[in-house]
Protein backbone atom coordinates (compact mmCIF):
# COMPACT_ATOMS: atom_id res chain seq x y z
CA MET A 1 55.84 54.46 50.68
CA GLN A 2 52.63 56.62 50.46
CA ASP A 3 49.84 56.19 48.50
CA ASP A 4 50.65 59.40 46.76
CA ILE A 5 53.68 57.77 44.79
CA TYR A 6 53.72 56.49 41.67
CA ILE A 7 56.67 54.60 39.42
CA LEU A 8 55.72 54.59 36.06
CA ILE A 9 58.19 53.18 33.65
CA PRO A 10 57.71 53.76 29.66
CA SER A 11 59.42 50.78 27.28
CA ARG A 12 58.47 50.46 23.45
CA ILE A 13 60.14 47.14 21.71
CA SER A 14 61.83 49.71 19.09
CA SER A 15 64.35 50.53 20.03
CA THR A 16 66.99 51.67 17.20
CA ARG A 17 70.27 51.30 19.18
CA LEU A 18 69.66 47.59 20.47
CA VAL A 19 66.93 45.32 19.04
CA ASN A 20 64.24 44.24 21.11
CA LYS A 21 66.14 45.90 23.96
CA PRO A 22 63.19 45.73 26.74
CA LEU A 23 63.87 41.74 25.83
CA VAL A 24 67.42 41.61 26.20
CA ASP A 25 68.38 38.51 28.66
CA LEU A 26 70.38 39.54 31.46
CA ASN A 27 71.39 35.81 33.26
CA GLY A 28 67.68 34.95 33.49
CA LYS A 29 65.73 37.52 33.54
CA THR A 30 64.70 40.31 30.96
CA LEU A 31 66.45 44.07 30.98
CA ILE A 32 62.40 44.95 31.72
CA GLN A 33 61.16 42.58 33.82
CA ARG A 34 64.29 43.43 35.97
CA VAL A 35 63.36 47.34 36.06
CA PHE A 36 59.52 46.16 36.74
CA LYS A 37 60.67 43.91 39.80
CA ASN A 38 62.92 46.72 41.74
CA ALA A 39 60.19 49.43 40.50
CA LEU A 40 57.51 47.32 42.57
CA GLU A 41 59.52 46.27 46.04
CA ILE A 42 59.49 50.39 46.20
CA THR A 43 55.82 51.06 45.60
CA THR A 44 52.82 48.60 44.69
CA ASN A 45 51.87 51.62 42.59
CA SER A 46 54.50 50.60 39.78
CA TYR A 47 53.38 50.62 36.31
CA VAL A 48 54.84 49.64 33.23
CA ALA A 49 53.55 51.64 30.02
CA THR A 50 54.35 50.24 27.25
CA ASP A 51 52.86 49.41 22.84
CA SER A 52 53.79 46.38 22.78
CA GLU A 53 52.01 43.71 23.42
CA LEU A 54 55.64 41.23 23.69
CA ILE A 55 56.85 43.13 26.57
CA LYS A 56 53.00 42.85 27.89
CA GLU A 57 53.43 39.15 27.48
CA ASN A 58 57.16 39.01 29.30
CA LEU A 59 55.69 40.48 32.05
CA LYS A 60 52.64 39.35 33.14
CA SER A 61 53.83 36.30 35.10
CA ILE A 62 55.06 39.25 37.52
CA SER A 63 52.19 41.90 37.14
CA SER A 64 49.20 42.60 35.95
CA LYS A 65 49.59 46.39 36.12
CA ILE A 66 51.07 47.32 32.63
CA ILE A 67 49.15 49.99 30.66
CA MET A 68 48.62 50.16 26.59
CA THR A 69 49.79 53.04 25.32
CA SER A 70 49.67 54.60 21.72
CA PRO A 71 53.02 53.67 19.19
CA ASP A 72 52.72 57.42 18.26
CA HIS A 73 54.61 58.39 21.28
CA LEU A 74 57.68 60.40 20.92
CA SER A 75 58.70 60.24 23.98
CA GLY A 76 58.44 58.20 27.30
CA THR A 77 57.25 61.36 28.82
CA ASP A 78 54.29 61.90 26.62
CA ARG A 79 53.95 57.55 27.26
CA ILE A 80 53.51 57.88 30.80
CA PHE A 81 51.31 60.56 31.29
CA GLU A 82 48.60 58.60 28.84
CA ALA A 83 48.73 55.94 31.28
CA ALA A 84 48.83 58.24 34.42
CA LYS A 85 45.43 59.79 32.86
CA LYS A 86 44.24 56.04 32.44
CA ILE A 87 44.90 55.12 36.10
CA ASN A 88 43.47 58.41 37.33
CA ILE A 89 46.78 59.76 39.24
CA GLN A 90 45.85 62.52 41.33
CA ASP A 91 46.93 66.71 39.98
CA ASP A 92 49.73 66.67 43.17
CA SER A 93 50.27 63.13 43.18
CA PHE A 94 54.15 62.39 42.89
CA ILE A 95 55.14 60.32 39.74
CA LEU A 96 58.28 58.91 39.36
CA ASN A 97 59.53 58.20 35.47
CA LEU A 98 61.68 55.23 35.90
CA GLN A 99 63.57 54.41 32.59
CA GLY A 100 62.71 50.92 31.32
CA ASP A 101 67.06 50.70 30.25
CA GLU A 102 68.10 51.23 33.69
CA PRO A 103 67.95 48.36 35.76
CA PHE A 104 71.00 48.80 38.64
CA ILE A 105 68.92 51.67 40.04
CA PRO A 106 69.37 51.59 43.62
CA LYS A 107 65.99 52.00 46.45
CA LYS A 108 68.10 54.24 48.24
CA LEU A 109 68.53 56.35 45.10
CA ILE A 110 64.41 56.19 45.30
CA ASN A 111 63.71 57.41 48.52
CA GLN A 112 66.50 60.73 48.00
CA VAL A 113 65.15 61.33 45.02
CA ILE A 114 61.76 61.73 47.19
CA GLU A 115 62.72 63.33 49.70
CA ASP A 116 64.82 65.68 48.22
CA TYR A 117 61.70 66.27 46.38
CA SER A 118 59.97 67.18 49.32
CA LYS A 119 62.63 69.80 50.37
CA ASN A 120 62.92 71.36 47.03
CA LYS A 121 61.25 73.84 45.17
CA CYS A 122 61.06 71.95 41.49
CA ASP A 123 58.91 71.38 38.90
CA VAL A 124 60.67 68.31 38.28
CA ILE A 125 63.39 66.51 39.66
CA THR A 126 65.96 63.83 37.85
CA VAL A 127 69.19 62.44 39.23
CA SER A 128 72.55 62.90 38.54
CA THR A 129 76.53 60.68 39.77
CA ASN A 130 79.81 61.22 39.16
CA ILE A 131 81.40 61.10 36.14
CA ARG A 132 83.59 57.85 36.13
CA SER A 133 85.95 58.48 33.34
CA GLU A 134 86.96 60.30 30.00
CA GLU A 135 85.35 57.61 28.23
CA ASP A 136 81.76 59.65 29.96
CA ILE A 137 82.65 62.42 28.71
CA LEU A 138 83.03 61.07 24.79
CA ASN A 139 80.58 58.20 24.76
CA PRO A 140 77.56 59.44 22.90
CA ASN A 141 75.70 57.32 24.89
CA CYS A 142 76.61 58.65 28.68
CA VAL A 143 74.00 61.47 29.30
CA LEU A 144 75.41 64.25 30.89
CA VAL A 145 74.10 67.43 32.65
CA ASP A 146 75.82 70.46 34.35
CA VAL A 147 74.82 71.88 37.19
CA ASP A 148 74.24 75.53 38.93
CA LYS A 149 75.64 75.45 42.59
CA SER A 150 72.65 75.03 43.83
CA ASN A 151 72.21 71.64 41.73
CA TYR A 152 69.55 73.21 39.22
CA ALA A 153 70.30 72.06 36.05
CA ILE A 154 71.53 74.39 33.39
CA ASN A 155 72.04 72.23 30.32
CA PHE A 156 71.84 68.38 28.75
CA GLY A 157 74.15 66.86 26.06
CA ARG A 158 75.73 63.63 25.03
CA THR A 159 79.03 64.85 24.76
CA GLY A 160 79.92 69.04 26.03
CA ASP A 161 82.80 70.84 28.05
CA PHE A 162 80.53 72.03 30.99
CA THR A 163 81.00 73.77 33.71
CA ASN A 164 80.13 71.26 36.37
CA THR A 165 79.51 68.04 34.51
CA ARG A 166 78.10 65.30 35.50
CA ARG A 167 76.93 62.21 34.35
CA HIS A 168 73.04 61.94 33.96
CA ILE A 169 70.66 59.61 35.25
CA GLY A 170 67.91 58.33 33.43
CA ILE A 171 64.98 59.27 36.25
CA TYR A 172 62.53 62.00 36.45
CA GLY A 173 60.08 63.04 39.18
CA TYR A 174 57.10 65.82 38.80
CA SER A 175 53.82 66.31 39.52
CA PHE A 176 50.67 64.71 37.70
CA LYS A 177 49.89 68.13 37.26
CA ILE A 178 53.23 69.71 35.71
CA LEU A 179 53.43 66.35 33.65
CA LYS A 180 50.68 67.45 32.21
CA LYS A 181 52.08 70.62 31.43
CA ILE A 182 54.66 69.53 29.90
CA THR A 183 52.45 67.17 27.68
CA GLU A 184 51.15 69.70 25.49
CA LEU A 185 54.67 71.61 25.28
CA GLU A 186 55.64 71.72 21.74
CA PRO A 187 59.20 68.90 21.28
CA THR A 188 61.93 71.99 20.92
CA LYS A 189 64.09 71.97 17.88
CA ASN A 190 67.24 70.48 20.33
CA GLU A 191 64.97 67.98 21.96
CA LEU A 192 64.81 66.46 18.59
CA ALA A 193 68.16 67.42 17.59
CA TYR A 194 69.36 65.14 20.62
CA LYS A 195 66.71 63.14 21.29
CA LEU A 196 66.94 64.42 24.95
CA GLU A 197 62.96 65.31 25.99
CA GLN A 198 64.26 66.79 29.13
CA LEU A 199 65.77 69.60 27.04
CA ARG A 200 61.71 70.28 26.30
CA PHE A 201 61.19 71.35 30.17
CA LEU A 202 64.34 73.49 30.52
CA GLU A 203 64.42 75.48 27.37
CA ASN A 204 60.41 76.04 28.33
CA LYS A 205 61.60 77.14 31.37
CA TYR A 206 60.75 74.88 33.87
CA SER A 207 63.20 74.31 36.49
CA ILE A 208 64.40 70.90 36.93
CA TYR A 209 66.67 69.95 40.60
CA VAL A 210 68.97 67.56 40.19
CA SER A 211 69.50 64.46 42.87
CA HIS A 212 73.27 63.71 43.72
CA TYR A 213 74.02 60.57 44.12
CA ASN A 214 77.53 59.96 45.95
CA GLU A 215 77.89 56.13 44.45
CA ASN A 216 78.45 54.76 41.96
CA ILE A 217 75.87 53.12 39.46
CA PRO A 218 76.73 50.90 36.94
CA HIS A 219 75.26 52.26 33.12
CA GLY A 220 72.01 51.32 31.94
CA ILE A 221 71.62 49.21 28.48
CA ASP A 222 72.13 50.85 25.24
CA THR A 223 74.47 48.88 23.35
CA LYS A 224 76.18 44.93 23.33
CA GLU A 225 78.74 46.23 25.33
CA ASP A 226 76.67 47.39 28.13
CA ILE A 227 75.21 44.06 27.97
CA SER A 228 78.00 42.32 28.29
CA ASN A 229 79.19 44.86 31.68
CA ALA A 230 75.77 44.26 32.76
CA ILE A 231 75.88 40.65 33.31
CA LYS A 232 79.50 40.66 34.48
CA PHE A 233 77.94 43.19 37.19
CA LEU A 234 75.35 40.78 38.01
CA ASN A 235 78.32 37.77 38.62
CA LYS A 236 79.62 39.76 41.11
CA LYS A 237 76.85 40.35 42.91
C-alpha cells in the first residue's frame, strides 16, 4: 500500500443501542479487535481513535496505534479529524474512515474504494451494496442511500422509498484537506435528527461518490440480533 493512505477507525464506548458495543465478544475476539485487525492487514497506517481507556486496554495487545481523543465529539468524522491532526497526516493523503462496528468489510472492497476514489472526481467516497430483502428497507438500523446515474449520492435515510435504493455501508474516504473542511461545518438539522453524519456533507454541497460492491456484506453490529447473526456467520467460515 502507498504511504499516503491511512485507515482511521472511530470507536466510543457509549453506544445508546448496545451497551459497550466495541467490547462485544464475537467468537473470542471483541468487535473492535476484529475491525482493527482487518484494517492492519490492509495497511500498517491504521489507527483507532477513541475516548475510552477500556477500548485502548482491549487493543494494546494488537497494536500501539491507538489515538486518545476528546469525549465530546458529535460524530466519528470529528473524532478521526482530531486523530489525523495528532499523527500529522498531510493535506493530500487519503483517509479511509472505517466504522468500528463493521467487522466483515472485505479487503477487496477497501481496494475497490481506493481505486474508485482515484478514478472519480469527488470530495467524499462511500460504499453501497445490494438490498437483500424488504426487511432492509424497513429496518431503521439499515441505512439506505439513493444515487444518480453516475453513482453520486442524492440522499441517505434509515427508511424510505428512494429511486435507486441501495444499502449503505459505513465507510468514507477523503483527503485530509476535505476532512478538515467538513469538520468546520455546523451539524445540519437532518444530521442530528437521523444521526447520519453523511447528511452534513451532502447538505453542504460536497459531492459523494458511491462505490458499489456487488457481493454480500454481513450487517454491522447494532443490536443483539446482529451479534447472533455475526457469530453464525463466523461459525460458517
